[in-house]
Amino acid sequence: MFNRSVLIVLVVALAAGLGLVASQQWFGRESAPAPELAAVRLFPQPRELPPFALQQSDGTQLVPGELHGHWTLVFLGFTHCPDVCPTTLADLSRAQKEWEPLPEAQRPRVLFVSVDPERDSPDRIGEYAAFFHRDTLAATADIPALEDFARSLSLVFMKAPGPEGAPADAYTIDHSAALAVLDPEGRMAGVVQGPLDPAAIAADLIALTGAPAR
């Protein structure tokens, strides 16, 4: 027969084991494992963005709270861009078509930010972005605000003169080709580097929303 001491030890061990199982089940429900991603590289910890205010194509302000509730891909560019910008927005439009069936409240967003306010009015960037996909958000600001915003996303841009003898407005802009990834709390959560794979981007963003794979 078990003596009293052995019986107490067994009861304590059994209680501890049941507690471990219960805690694993509970915390498993609370924090699902992160999805495996092919195109999006998430940071170990997302970081808060400093305050910013951009002007959207419809004339309203884009402030941090406007980006809450959705996963968002941010791309810096300009409408006179000869290659990288139209190619990137075309690739993103293919990804956007993949997640169109998601409910609007769950659907990821694409934000195109023009870093050429001298030539890109809000109306112009709105038309340019919508040409690729109707859901693409477009915004710009003055140069100091754009520099602060880009820096907060670890992105860069710089005005570069055009060919010698060209008109003053024939300049170009060197800018990051990477996409910043913002989480539904508007924090910098990751990055997408080129070359872009629209199908992989779409699959990753759909997975991050928690929607079933299509």
N, C-alpha and C. Protein backbone atom coordinates (compact mmCIF):
# COMPACT_ATOMS: atom_id res chain seq x y z
N MET A 1 0.85 -1.20 0.00
CA MET A 1 0.00 0.00 0.00
C MET A 1 0.88 1.25 0.00
N PHE A 2 0.33 2.32 -0.58
CA PHE A 2 1.04 3.58 -0.52
C PHE A 2 0.91 4.16 0.86
N ASN A 3 2.00 4.72 1.35
CA ASN A 3 1.87 5.44 2.62
C ASN A 3 1.36 6.84 2.33
N ARG A 4 1.05 7.58 3.38
CA ARG A 4 0.44 8.91 3.23
C ARG A 4 1.33 9.86 2.45
N SER A 5 2.65 9.83 2.68
CA SER A 5 3.58 10.76 2.01
C SER A 5 3.59 10.52 0.50
N VAL A 6 3.64 9.24 0.11
CA VAL A 6 3.66 8.92 -1.32
C VAL A 6 2.37 9.37 -1.98
N LEU A 7 1.25 9.15 -1.30
CA LEU A 7 -0.05 9.55 -1.85
C LEU A 7 -0.10 11.05 -2.08
N ILE A 8 0.40 11.84 -1.14
CA ILE A 8 0.40 13.31 -1.29
C ILE A 8 1.25 13.72 -2.49
N VAL A 9 2.43 13.11 -2.65
CA VAL A 9 3.30 13.43 -3.79
C VAL A 9 2.61 13.13 -5.10
N LEU A 10 1.92 11.99 -5.19
CA LEU A 10 1.22 11.63 -6.42
C LEU A 10 0.10 12.62 -6.74
N VAL A 11 -0.64 13.02 -5.72
CA VAL A 11 -1.73 13.98 -5.94
C VAL A 11 -1.18 15.31 -6.45
N VAL A 12 -0.09 15.78 -5.84
CA VAL A 12 0.51 17.06 -6.26
C VAL A 12 1.01 16.96 -7.70
N ALA A 13 1.66 15.83 -8.03
CA ALA A 13 2.18 15.65 -9.39
C ALA A 13 1.06 15.62 -10.41
N LEU A 14 -0.04 14.92 -10.06
CA LEU A 14 -1.18 14.84 -10.97
C LEU A 14 -1.79 16.21 -11.18
N ALA A 15 -1.92 16.99 -10.12
CA ALA A 15 -2.49 18.34 -10.22
C ALA A 15 -1.60 19.23 -11.09
N ALA A 16 -0.29 19.11 -10.90
CA ALA A 16 0.63 19.92 -11.70
C ALA A 16 0.53 19.55 -13.18
N GLY A 17 0.42 18.23 -13.46
CA GLY A 17 0.31 17.80 -14.85
C GLY A 17 -0.97 18.30 -15.50
N LEU A 18 -2.08 18.21 -14.76
CA LEU A 18 -3.34 18.72 -15.31
C LEU A 18 -3.29 20.21 -15.53
N GLY A 19 -2.62 20.92 -14.64
CA GLY A 19 -2.49 22.37 -14.79
C GLY A 19 -1.68 22.72 -16.02
N LEU A 20 -0.61 21.94 -16.29
CA LEU A 20 0.21 22.19 -17.48
C LEU A 20 -0.59 21.97 -18.75
N VAL A 21 -1.35 20.88 -18.79
CA VAL A 21 -2.18 20.60 -19.98
C VAL A 21 -3.20 21.71 -20.19
N ALA A 22 -3.86 22.12 -19.11
CA ALA A 22 -4.87 23.18 -19.22
C ALA A 22 -4.26 24.47 -19.70
N SER A 23 -3.08 24.81 -19.17
CA SER A 23 -2.46 26.07 -19.58
C SER A 23 -2.04 26.02 -21.04
N GLN A 24 -1.54 24.86 -21.51
CA GLN A 24 -1.17 24.74 -22.91
C GLN A 24 -2.37 24.91 -23.81
N GLN A 25 -3.50 24.30 -23.40
CA GLN A 25 -4.72 24.45 -24.21
C GLN A 25 -5.20 25.89 -24.21
N TRP A 26 -5.16 26.54 -23.06
CA TRP A 26 -5.63 27.93 -22.95
C TRP A 26 -4.78 28.88 -23.78
N PHE A 27 -3.45 28.81 -23.57
CA PHE A 27 -2.58 29.73 -24.29
C PHE A 27 -2.49 29.38 -25.76
N GLY A 28 -2.74 28.12 -26.12
CA GLY A 28 -2.79 27.77 -27.52
C GLY A 28 -3.94 28.46 -28.22
N ARG A 29 -5.06 28.64 -27.50
CA ARG A 29 -6.19 29.36 -28.07
C ARG A 29 -5.90 30.84 -28.17
N GLU A 30 -5.16 31.37 -27.20
CA GLU A 30 -4.92 32.81 -27.15
C GLU A 30 -3.93 33.28 -28.19
N SER A 31 -2.90 32.47 -28.48
CA SER A 31 -1.87 32.92 -29.41
C SER A 31 -1.58 31.82 -30.42
N ALA A 32 -2.25 31.91 -31.57
CA ALA A 32 -2.05 30.93 -32.62
C ALA A 32 -0.64 31.09 -33.19
N PRO A 33 -0.04 30.01 -33.68
CA PRO A 33 1.30 30.12 -34.25
C PRO A 33 1.31 31.04 -35.46
N ALA A 34 2.41 31.76 -35.64
CA ALA A 34 2.53 32.68 -36.77
C ALA A 34 2.52 31.88 -38.07
N PRO A 35 1.84 32.40 -39.10
CA PRO A 35 1.82 31.66 -40.37
C PRO A 35 3.19 31.66 -41.03
N GLU A 36 3.47 30.65 -41.83
CA GLU A 36 4.71 30.61 -42.60
C GLU A 36 4.55 31.54 -43.80
N LEU A 37 5.51 32.46 -43.97
CA LEU A 37 5.41 33.49 -44.99
C LEU A 37 6.54 33.33 -46.01
N ALA A 38 6.21 33.61 -47.27
CA ALA A 38 7.20 33.46 -48.34
C ALA A 38 7.79 34.80 -48.79
N ALA A 39 6.97 35.85 -48.80
CA ALA A 39 7.42 37.15 -49.32
C ALA A 39 7.61 38.19 -48.22
N VAL A 40 6.75 38.16 -47.22
CA VAL A 40 6.81 39.14 -46.14
C VAL A 40 7.81 38.69 -45.08
N ARG A 41 8.73 39.58 -44.72
CA ARG A 41 9.65 39.30 -43.61
C ARG A 41 9.20 40.13 -42.42
N LEU A 42 8.65 39.47 -41.42
CA LEU A 42 8.20 40.16 -40.22
C LEU A 42 9.36 40.36 -39.25
N PHE A 43 9.34 41.50 -38.56
CA PHE A 43 10.34 41.77 -37.55
C PHE A 43 9.98 41.01 -36.27
N PRO A 44 10.97 40.74 -35.41
CA PRO A 44 10.66 40.08 -34.14
C PRO A 44 9.65 40.87 -33.30
N GLN A 45 9.75 42.18 -33.35
CA GLN A 45 8.81 43.04 -32.63
C GLN A 45 8.42 44.21 -33.53
N PRO A 46 7.13 44.46 -33.76
CA PRO A 46 6.73 45.65 -34.53
C PRO A 46 7.07 46.91 -33.75
N ARG A 47 7.25 48.01 -34.45
CA ARG A 47 7.57 49.25 -33.76
C ARG A 47 6.56 50.34 -34.10
N GLU A 48 6.27 51.16 -33.12
CA GLU A 48 5.32 52.25 -33.29
C GLU A 48 5.90 53.31 -34.24
N LEU A 49 5.04 53.90 -35.06
CA LEU A 49 5.47 54.99 -35.93
C LEU A 49 5.25 56.32 -35.22
N PRO A 50 6.14 57.28 -35.43
CA PRO A 50 5.90 58.61 -34.87
C PRO A 50 4.71 59.25 -35.58
N PRO A 51 4.13 60.30 -35.01
CA PRO A 51 2.99 60.97 -35.66
C PRO A 51 3.34 61.44 -37.07
N PHE A 52 2.38 61.34 -37.97
CA PHE A 52 2.57 61.85 -39.34
C PHE A 52 1.22 62.32 -39.86
N ALA A 53 1.27 63.15 -40.88
CA ALA A 53 0.05 63.64 -41.53
C ALA A 53 0.34 63.82 -43.01
N LEU A 54 -0.28 62.98 -43.82
CA LEU A 54 -0.14 63.06 -45.27
C LEU A 54 -1.47 63.51 -45.86
N GLN A 55 -1.43 64.03 -47.07
CA GLN A 55 -2.66 64.45 -47.73
C GLN A 55 -3.07 63.39 -48.74
N GLN A 56 -4.27 62.85 -48.57
CA GLN A 56 -4.76 61.83 -49.48
C GLN A 56 -5.29 62.46 -50.77
N SER A 57 -5.49 61.61 -51.76
CA SER A 57 -5.92 62.09 -53.06
C SER A 57 -7.30 62.73 -53.02
N ASP A 58 -8.10 62.38 -52.02
CA ASP A 58 -9.44 62.99 -51.92
C ASP A 58 -9.42 64.27 -51.08
N GLY A 59 -8.24 64.72 -50.69
CA GLY A 59 -8.11 65.97 -49.95
C GLY A 59 -8.13 65.80 -48.44
N THR A 60 -8.46 64.61 -47.94
CA THR A 60 -8.48 64.40 -46.50
C THR A 60 -7.08 64.05 -46.00
N GLN A 61 -6.89 64.19 -44.70
CA GLN A 61 -5.60 63.87 -44.12
C GLN A 61 -5.49 62.37 -43.83
N LEU A 62 -4.30 61.86 -44.03
CA LEU A 62 -4.00 60.49 -43.65
C LEU A 62 -3.11 60.55 -42.42
N VAL A 63 -3.67 60.14 -41.29
CA VAL A 63 -2.95 60.14 -40.02
C VAL A 63 -2.89 58.69 -39.52
N PRO A 64 -2.04 58.40 -38.52
CA PRO A 64 -1.86 57.00 -38.11
C PRO A 64 -3.14 56.22 -37.86
N GLY A 65 -4.12 56.82 -37.23
CA GLY A 65 -5.35 56.10 -36.93
C GLY A 65 -6.08 55.60 -38.16
N GLU A 66 -5.88 56.27 -39.32
CA GLU A 66 -6.55 55.87 -40.54
C GLU A 66 -6.08 54.51 -41.04
N LEU A 67 -4.90 54.09 -40.60
CA LEU A 67 -4.34 52.83 -41.07
C LEU A 67 -4.62 51.68 -40.12
N HIS A 68 -5.34 51.93 -39.04
CA HIS A 68 -5.63 50.87 -38.08
C HIS A 68 -6.70 49.92 -38.63
N GLY A 69 -6.59 48.68 -38.24
CA GLY A 69 -7.61 47.70 -38.61
C GLY A 69 -7.29 46.87 -39.83
N HIS A 70 -6.23 47.22 -40.56
CA HIS A 70 -5.86 46.50 -41.78
C HIS A 70 -4.36 46.28 -41.83
N TRP A 71 -3.94 45.20 -42.44
CA TRP A 71 -2.55 45.07 -42.85
C TRP A 71 -2.35 45.97 -44.07
N THR A 72 -1.25 46.71 -44.09
CA THR A 72 -1.04 47.70 -45.15
C THR A 72 0.37 47.58 -45.72
N LEU A 73 0.46 47.61 -47.05
CA LEU A 73 1.74 47.67 -47.74
C LEU A 73 1.96 49.10 -48.21
N VAL A 74 3.10 49.69 -47.83
CA VAL A 74 3.40 51.08 -48.19
C VAL A 74 4.53 51.10 -49.20
N PHE A 75 4.30 51.83 -50.29
CA PHE A 75 5.31 51.95 -51.35
C PHE A 75 5.56 53.41 -51.66
N LEU A 76 6.83 53.83 -51.64
CA LEU A 76 7.20 55.19 -52.03
C LEU A 76 7.48 55.23 -53.52
N GLY A 77 7.03 56.30 -54.18
CA GLY A 77 7.31 56.42 -55.60
C GLY A 77 6.91 57.79 -56.12
N PHE A 78 6.72 57.90 -57.44
CA PHE A 78 6.29 59.16 -58.04
C PHE A 78 5.74 58.85 -59.43
N THR A 79 4.84 59.70 -59.90
CA THR A 79 4.11 59.36 -61.12
C THR A 79 4.95 59.47 -62.39
N HIS A 80 6.07 60.21 -62.35
CA HIS A 80 6.95 60.31 -63.51
C HIS A 80 7.97 59.17 -63.55
N CYS A 81 7.89 58.26 -62.62
CA CYS A 81 8.83 57.14 -62.52
C CYS A 81 8.71 56.28 -63.79
N PRO A 82 9.82 56.01 -64.47
CA PRO A 82 9.73 55.30 -65.75
C PRO A 82 9.61 53.79 -65.65
N ASP A 83 10.00 53.21 -64.53
CA ASP A 83 10.05 51.74 -64.52
C ASP A 83 9.64 51.11 -63.19
N VAL A 84 10.35 51.40 -62.10
CA VAL A 84 10.11 50.70 -60.84
C VAL A 84 8.69 50.90 -60.34
N CYS A 85 8.21 52.15 -60.37
CA CYS A 85 6.89 52.44 -59.81
C CYS A 85 5.75 51.76 -60.56
N PRO A 86 5.68 51.91 -61.89
CA PRO A 86 4.57 51.22 -62.57
C PRO A 86 4.66 49.70 -62.47
N THR A 87 5.89 49.18 -62.50
CA THR A 87 6.05 47.73 -62.38
C THR A 87 5.59 47.24 -61.01
N THR A 88 5.99 47.98 -59.95
CA THR A 88 5.61 47.59 -58.59
C THR A 88 4.10 47.67 -58.40
N LEU A 89 3.49 48.76 -58.84
CA LEU A 89 2.04 48.92 -58.66
C LEU A 89 1.27 47.89 -59.49
N ALA A 90 1.80 47.52 -60.64
CA ALA A 90 1.16 46.48 -61.44
C ALA A 90 1.24 45.13 -60.72
N ASP A 91 2.40 44.84 -60.13
CA ASP A 91 2.54 43.60 -59.35
C ASP A 91 1.58 43.60 -58.16
N LEU A 92 1.50 44.72 -57.47
CA LEU A 92 0.62 44.81 -56.31
C LEU A 92 -0.84 44.68 -56.72
N SER A 93 -1.18 45.19 -57.89
CA SER A 93 -2.58 45.08 -58.33
C SER A 93 -2.97 43.62 -58.52
N ARG A 94 -2.01 42.80 -58.94
CA ARG A 94 -2.31 41.37 -59.09
C ARG A 94 -2.53 40.73 -57.72
N ALA A 95 -1.74 41.17 -56.74
CA ALA A 95 -1.96 40.66 -55.38
C ALA A 95 -3.32 41.14 -54.84
N GLN A 96 -3.66 42.39 -55.12
CA GLN A 96 -4.94 42.94 -54.64
C GLN A 96 -6.12 42.17 -55.21
N LYS A 97 -6.03 41.76 -56.47
CA LYS A 97 -7.12 40.98 -57.08
C LYS A 97 -7.31 39.65 -56.34
N GLU A 98 -6.21 39.09 -55.81
CA GLU A 98 -6.30 37.82 -55.09
C GLU A 98 -7.08 37.96 -53.79
N TRP A 99 -6.95 39.11 -53.12
CA TRP A 99 -7.66 39.25 -51.84
C TRP A 99 -8.95 40.06 -51.95
N GLU A 100 -9.37 40.38 -53.15
CA GLU A 100 -10.65 41.10 -53.34
C GLU A 100 -11.84 40.37 -52.71
N PRO A 101 -11.89 39.01 -52.73
CA PRO A 101 -13.05 38.33 -52.14
C PRO A 101 -13.16 38.49 -50.63
N LEU A 102 -12.11 38.93 -49.95
CA LEU A 102 -12.20 39.10 -48.50
C LEU A 102 -13.17 40.23 -48.15
N PRO A 103 -13.81 40.16 -47.00
CA PRO A 103 -14.66 41.28 -46.57
C PRO A 103 -13.84 42.57 -46.49
N GLU A 104 -14.45 43.69 -46.80
CA GLU A 104 -13.72 44.96 -46.84
C GLU A 104 -13.02 45.24 -45.52
N ALA A 105 -13.66 44.90 -44.41
CA ALA A 105 -13.08 45.19 -43.11
C ALA A 105 -11.83 44.37 -42.84
N GLN A 106 -11.63 43.31 -43.59
CA GLN A 106 -10.50 42.41 -43.39
C GLN A 106 -9.45 42.57 -44.49
N ARG A 107 -9.81 43.21 -45.57
CA ARG A 107 -8.98 43.25 -46.77
C ARG A 107 -7.70 44.08 -46.55
N PRO A 108 -6.53 43.56 -46.91
CA PRO A 108 -5.30 44.35 -46.81
C PRO A 108 -5.36 45.58 -47.72
N ARG A 109 -4.50 46.54 -47.42
CA ARG A 109 -4.47 47.79 -48.18
C ARG A 109 -3.10 47.99 -48.82
N VAL A 110 -3.11 48.75 -49.90
CA VAL A 110 -1.87 49.22 -50.52
C VAL A 110 -1.90 50.74 -50.49
N LEU A 111 -0.83 51.33 -49.97
CA LEU A 111 -0.72 52.79 -49.89
C LEU A 111 0.47 53.25 -50.73
N PHE A 112 0.19 54.02 -51.78
CA PHE A 112 1.21 54.62 -52.62
C PHE A 112 1.46 56.04 -52.14
N VAL A 113 2.69 56.35 -51.74
CA VAL A 113 3.04 57.68 -51.24
C VAL A 113 3.98 58.34 -52.24
N SER A 114 3.52 59.41 -52.87
CA SER A 114 4.38 60.13 -53.81
C SER A 114 5.38 60.99 -53.05
N VAL A 115 6.65 60.85 -53.43
CA VAL A 115 7.71 61.66 -52.82
C VAL A 115 8.13 62.77 -53.78
N ASP A 116 7.21 63.15 -54.67
CA ASP A 116 7.46 64.22 -55.65
C ASP A 116 6.32 65.24 -55.60
N PRO A 117 6.14 65.91 -54.46
CA PRO A 117 5.00 66.84 -54.34
C PRO A 117 5.08 68.01 -55.30
N GLU A 118 6.26 68.30 -55.82
CA GLU A 118 6.40 69.41 -56.76
C GLU A 118 5.62 69.17 -58.05
N ARG A 119 5.57 67.92 -58.49
CA ARG A 119 4.85 67.60 -59.73
C ARG A 119 3.59 66.77 -59.50
N ASP A 120 3.49 66.14 -58.34
CA ASP A 120 2.37 65.22 -58.09
C ASP A 120 1.34 65.85 -57.16
N SER A 121 0.28 66.36 -57.75
CA SER A 121 -0.83 66.88 -56.95
C SER A 121 -1.65 65.71 -56.41
N PRO A 122 -2.47 65.95 -55.40
CA PRO A 122 -3.34 64.88 -54.89
C PRO A 122 -4.21 64.26 -55.98
N ASP A 123 -4.77 65.10 -56.86
CA ASP A 123 -5.59 64.57 -57.95
C ASP A 123 -4.80 63.64 -58.85
N ARG A 124 -3.59 64.06 -59.18
CA ARG A 124 -2.75 63.28 -60.10
C ARG A 124 -2.40 61.92 -59.50
N ILE A 125 -2.01 61.90 -58.22
CA ILE A 125 -1.63 60.62 -57.63
C ILE A 125 -2.83 59.71 -57.45
N GLY A 126 -4.00 60.31 -57.21
CA GLY A 126 -5.20 59.50 -57.11
C GLY A 126 -5.52 58.80 -58.40
N GLU A 127 -5.45 59.52 -59.51
CA GLU A 127 -5.72 58.93 -60.83
C GLU A 127 -4.67 57.89 -61.17
N TYR A 128 -3.42 58.19 -60.83
CA TYR A 128 -2.32 57.28 -61.15
C TYR A 128 -2.47 55.96 -60.39
N ALA A 129 -2.74 56.04 -59.10
CA ALA A 129 -2.89 54.83 -58.29
C ALA A 129 -4.10 54.01 -58.72
N ALA A 130 -5.21 54.70 -58.99
CA ALA A 130 -6.44 54.01 -59.37
C ALA A 130 -6.32 53.32 -60.72
N PHE A 131 -5.42 53.81 -61.57
CA PHE A 131 -5.20 53.17 -62.86
C PHE A 131 -4.77 51.71 -62.68
N PHE A 132 -4.00 51.45 -61.64
CA PHE A 132 -3.51 50.10 -61.37
C PHE A 132 -4.54 49.27 -60.61
N HIS A 133 -5.15 49.88 -59.57
CA HIS A 133 -6.22 49.19 -58.84
C HIS A 133 -7.05 50.24 -58.09
N ARG A 134 -8.34 50.08 -58.18
CA ARG A 134 -9.25 51.09 -57.63
C ARG A 134 -9.12 51.24 -56.11
N ASP A 135 -8.63 50.19 -55.43
CA ASP A 135 -8.56 50.24 -53.97
C ASP A 135 -7.25 50.84 -53.44
N THR A 136 -6.30 51.13 -54.32
CA THR A 136 -5.01 51.65 -53.87
C THR A 136 -5.17 53.05 -53.30
N LEU A 137 -4.70 53.23 -52.08
CA LEU A 137 -4.70 54.55 -51.45
C LEU A 137 -3.51 55.34 -51.97
N ALA A 138 -3.67 56.67 -52.06
CA ALA A 138 -2.58 57.52 -52.55
C ALA A 138 -2.49 58.75 -51.67
N ALA A 139 -1.27 59.16 -51.35
CA ALA A 139 -1.07 60.32 -50.49
C ALA A 139 0.28 60.95 -50.78
N THR A 140 0.45 62.18 -50.33
CA THR A 140 1.71 62.88 -50.44
C THR A 140 1.77 63.91 -49.32
N ALA A 141 2.81 64.75 -49.32
CA ALA A 141 2.96 65.78 -48.29
C ALA A 141 4.10 66.68 -48.74
N ASP A 142 4.46 67.65 -47.91
CA ASP A 142 5.64 68.44 -48.24
C ASP A 142 6.89 67.61 -47.96
N ILE A 143 8.02 68.06 -48.47
CA ILE A 143 9.24 67.28 -48.38
C ILE A 143 9.65 66.96 -46.94
N PRO A 144 9.65 67.92 -46.00
CA PRO A 144 10.03 67.55 -44.63
C PRO A 144 9.15 66.46 -44.03
N ALA A 145 7.84 66.53 -44.26
CA ALA A 145 6.93 65.51 -43.74
C ALA A 145 7.18 64.17 -44.40
N LEU A 146 7.46 64.18 -45.70
CA LEU A 146 7.75 62.94 -46.42
C LEU A 146 9.06 62.32 -45.93
N GLU A 147 10.05 63.15 -45.68
CA GLU A 147 11.33 62.63 -45.18
C GLU A 147 11.15 61.97 -43.82
N ASP A 148 10.38 62.61 -42.95
CA ASP A 148 10.14 62.02 -41.62
C ASP A 148 9.38 60.70 -41.75
N PHE A 149 8.38 60.67 -42.62
CA PHE A 149 7.57 59.46 -42.80
C PHE A 149 8.43 58.33 -43.36
N ALA A 150 9.22 58.64 -44.39
CA ALA A 150 10.07 57.62 -45.00
C ALA A 150 11.08 57.09 -43.98
N ARG A 151 11.66 57.98 -43.21
CA ARG A 151 12.66 57.56 -42.22
C ARG A 151 12.04 56.63 -41.19
N SER A 152 10.81 56.89 -40.81
CA SER A 152 10.15 56.05 -39.81
C SER A 152 9.92 54.64 -40.32
N LEU A 153 9.90 54.48 -41.66
CA LEU A 153 9.70 53.17 -42.28
C LEU A 153 11.03 52.57 -42.76
N SER A 154 12.14 53.24 -42.42
CA SER A 154 13.48 52.81 -42.87
C SER A 154 13.57 52.80 -44.39
N LEU A 155 12.87 53.74 -45.03
CA LEU A 155 12.93 53.93 -46.48
C LEU A 155 13.59 55.27 -46.77
N VAL A 156 14.08 55.44 -47.99
CA VAL A 156 14.77 56.68 -48.35
C VAL A 156 14.34 57.13 -49.74
N PHE A 157 14.52 58.42 -50.01
CA PHE A 157 14.34 58.96 -51.36
C PHE A 157 15.21 60.21 -51.48
N MET A 158 15.57 60.54 -52.73
CA MET A 158 16.42 61.70 -52.96
C MET A 158 16.21 62.21 -54.38
N LYS A 159 16.05 63.50 -54.52
CA LYS A 159 15.88 64.11 -55.83
C LYS A 159 17.20 64.06 -56.58
N ALA A 160 17.14 63.68 -57.86
CA ALA A 160 18.35 63.58 -58.68
C ALA A 160 18.15 64.38 -59.96
N PRO A 161 19.13 65.18 -60.36
CA PRO A 161 18.97 66.00 -61.56
C PRO A 161 18.85 65.15 -62.82
N GLY A 162 18.17 65.70 -63.83
CA GLY A 162 18.05 65.01 -65.10
C GLY A 162 19.32 65.19 -65.92
N PRO A 163 19.29 64.76 -67.18
CA PRO A 163 20.47 64.89 -68.05
C PRO A 163 20.88 66.36 -68.21
N GLU A 164 22.13 66.57 -68.46
CA GLU A 164 22.64 67.94 -68.66
C GLU A 164 21.91 68.62 -69.81
N GLY A 165 21.45 69.84 -69.55
CA GLY A 165 20.73 70.59 -70.57
C GLY A 165 19.24 70.34 -70.58
N ALA A 166 18.76 69.40 -69.78
CA ALA A 166 17.32 69.10 -69.73
C ALA A 166 16.60 70.18 -68.94
N PRO A 167 15.30 70.36 -69.14
CA PRO A 167 14.53 71.34 -68.36
C PRO A 167 14.62 71.06 -66.86
N ALA A 168 14.39 72.10 -66.07
CA ALA A 168 14.52 71.97 -64.61
C ALA A 168 13.57 70.93 -64.04
N ASP A 169 12.41 70.75 -64.70
CA ASP A 169 11.44 69.80 -64.16
C ASP A 169 11.63 68.39 -64.73
N ALA A 170 12.78 68.15 -65.34
CA ALA A 170 13.06 66.83 -65.90
C ALA A 170 13.86 65.97 -64.93
N TYR A 171 13.86 66.35 -63.67
CA TYR A 171 14.59 65.57 -62.67
C TYR A 171 13.92 64.22 -62.43
N THR A 172 14.63 63.37 -61.75
CA THR A 172 14.07 62.09 -61.33
C THR A 172 14.24 61.97 -59.81
N ILE A 173 13.75 60.90 -59.25
CA ILE A 173 13.86 60.69 -57.80
C ILE A 173 14.31 59.26 -57.55
N ASP A 174 15.42 59.14 -56.87
CA ASP A 174 15.87 57.83 -56.42
C ASP A 174 15.14 57.48 -55.13
N HIS A 175 14.61 56.28 -55.03
CA HIS A 175 13.84 55.92 -53.85
C HIS A 175 13.93 54.43 -53.57
N SER A 176 13.62 54.04 -52.35
CA SER A 176 13.60 52.63 -51.98
C SER A 176 12.56 51.89 -52.80
N ALA A 177 12.91 50.68 -53.20
CA ALA A 177 11.95 49.85 -53.93
C ALA A 177 11.24 48.86 -53.01
N ALA A 178 11.71 48.75 -51.77
CA ALA A 178 11.09 47.82 -50.83
C ALA A 178 9.73 48.32 -50.39
N LEU A 179 8.89 47.41 -49.90
CA LEU A 179 7.58 47.74 -49.37
C LEU A 179 7.64 47.64 -47.85
N ALA A 180 7.11 48.64 -47.17
CA ALA A 180 6.97 48.57 -45.72
C ALA A 180 5.65 47.87 -45.40
N VAL A 181 5.67 47.04 -44.38
CA VAL A 181 4.47 46.30 -43.97
C VAL A 181 4.01 46.83 -42.62
N LEU A 182 2.79 47.36 -42.58
CA LEU A 182 2.21 47.85 -41.33
C LEU A 182 1.16 46.87 -40.85
N ASP A 183 1.14 46.62 -39.54
CA ASP A 183 0.15 45.70 -38.99
C ASP A 183 -1.16 46.44 -38.70
N PRO A 184 -2.21 45.75 -38.27
CA PRO A 184 -3.50 46.42 -38.05
C PRO A 184 -3.50 47.47 -36.95
N GLU A 185 -2.43 47.56 -36.20
CA GLU A 185 -2.30 48.64 -35.21
C GLU A 185 -1.50 49.81 -35.76
N GLY A 186 -1.18 49.76 -37.06
CA GLY A 186 -0.45 50.84 -37.69
C GLY A 186 1.03 50.87 -37.36
N ARG A 187 1.57 49.75 -36.89
CA ARG A 187 2.98 49.69 -36.53
C ARG A 187 3.80 49.11 -37.68
N MET A 188 5.06 49.52 -37.75
CA MET A 188 5.98 48.95 -38.73
C MET A 188 6.28 47.52 -38.31
N ALA A 189 5.77 46.56 -39.08
CA ALA A 189 5.85 45.16 -38.67
C ALA A 189 6.79 44.32 -39.51
N GLY A 190 7.15 44.81 -40.71
CA GLY A 190 8.01 44.01 -41.55
C GLY A 190 8.29 44.70 -42.87
N VAL A 191 8.79 43.92 -43.82
CA VAL A 191 9.20 44.47 -45.10
C VAL A 191 9.05 43.40 -46.18
N VAL A 192 8.84 43.86 -47.42
CA VAL A 192 8.86 42.98 -48.59
C VAL A 192 9.93 43.51 -49.53
N GLN A 193 10.91 42.68 -49.83
CA GLN A 193 11.99 43.06 -50.73
C GLN A 193 11.71 42.50 -52.13
N GLY A 194 12.28 43.17 -53.14
CA GLY A 194 12.15 42.68 -54.50
C GLY A 194 13.10 41.53 -54.78
N PRO A 195 12.92 40.86 -55.91
CA PRO A 195 11.83 41.03 -56.87
C PRO A 195 10.50 40.56 -56.28
N LEU A 196 9.43 41.26 -56.64
CA LEU A 196 8.13 40.97 -56.05
C LEU A 196 7.47 39.78 -56.72
N ASP A 197 6.84 38.96 -55.91
CA ASP A 197 6.07 37.81 -56.38
C ASP A 197 4.62 38.05 -55.96
N PRO A 198 3.77 38.54 -56.87
CA PRO A 198 2.40 38.89 -56.50
C PRO A 198 1.63 37.76 -55.82
N ALA A 199 1.79 36.53 -56.30
CA ALA A 199 1.06 35.41 -55.70
C ALA A 199 1.53 35.17 -54.27
N ALA A 200 2.83 35.25 -54.04
CA ALA A 200 3.36 35.03 -52.69
C ALA A 200 2.94 36.16 -51.75
N ILE A 201 2.96 37.39 -52.25
CA ILE A 201 2.54 38.54 -51.43
C ILE A 201 1.07 38.37 -51.04
N ALA A 202 0.25 38.01 -52.02
CA ALA A 202 -1.18 37.83 -51.74
C ALA A 202 -1.40 36.73 -50.72
N ALA A 203 -0.72 35.60 -50.89
CA ALA A 203 -0.89 34.48 -49.96
C ALA A 203 -0.46 34.88 -48.55
N ASP A 204 0.65 35.62 -48.44
CA ASP A 204 1.13 36.05 -47.12
C ASP A 204 0.14 36.99 -46.45
N LEU A 205 -0.34 37.98 -47.18
CA LEU A 205 -1.25 38.94 -46.58
C LEU A 205 -2.57 38.29 -46.20
N ILE A 206 -3.06 37.38 -47.01
CA ILE A 206 -4.29 36.66 -46.67
C ILE A 206 -4.07 35.85 -45.41
N ALA A 207 -2.90 35.20 -45.30
CA ALA A 207 -2.59 34.42 -44.11
C ALA A 207 -2.51 35.31 -42.88
N LEU A 208 -1.93 36.49 -43.02
CA LEU A 208 -1.80 37.39 -41.88
C LEU A 208 -3.16 37.91 -41.40
N THR A 209 -4.12 38.02 -42.30
CA THR A 209 -5.46 38.45 -41.88
C THR A 209 -6.18 37.35 -41.12
N GLY A 210 -5.67 36.12 -41.23
CA GLY A 210 -6.35 34.99 -40.59
C GLY A 210 -7.41 34.36 -41.46
N ALA A 211 -7.55 34.84 -42.70
CA ALA A 211 -8.55 34.26 -43.60
C ALA A 211 -8.07 32.90 -44.10
N PRO A 212 -8.98 31.98 -44.39
CA PRO A 212 -8.59 30.67 -44.92
C PRO A 212 -7.86 30.83 -46.26
N ALA A 213 -6.89 29.98 -46.50
CA ALA A 213 -6.18 29.98 -47.78
C ALA A 213 -7.14 29.65 -48.90
N ARG A 214 -6.94 30.32 -50.03
CA ARG A 214 -7.83 30.09 -51.19
C ARG A 214 -7.24 29.05 -52.12
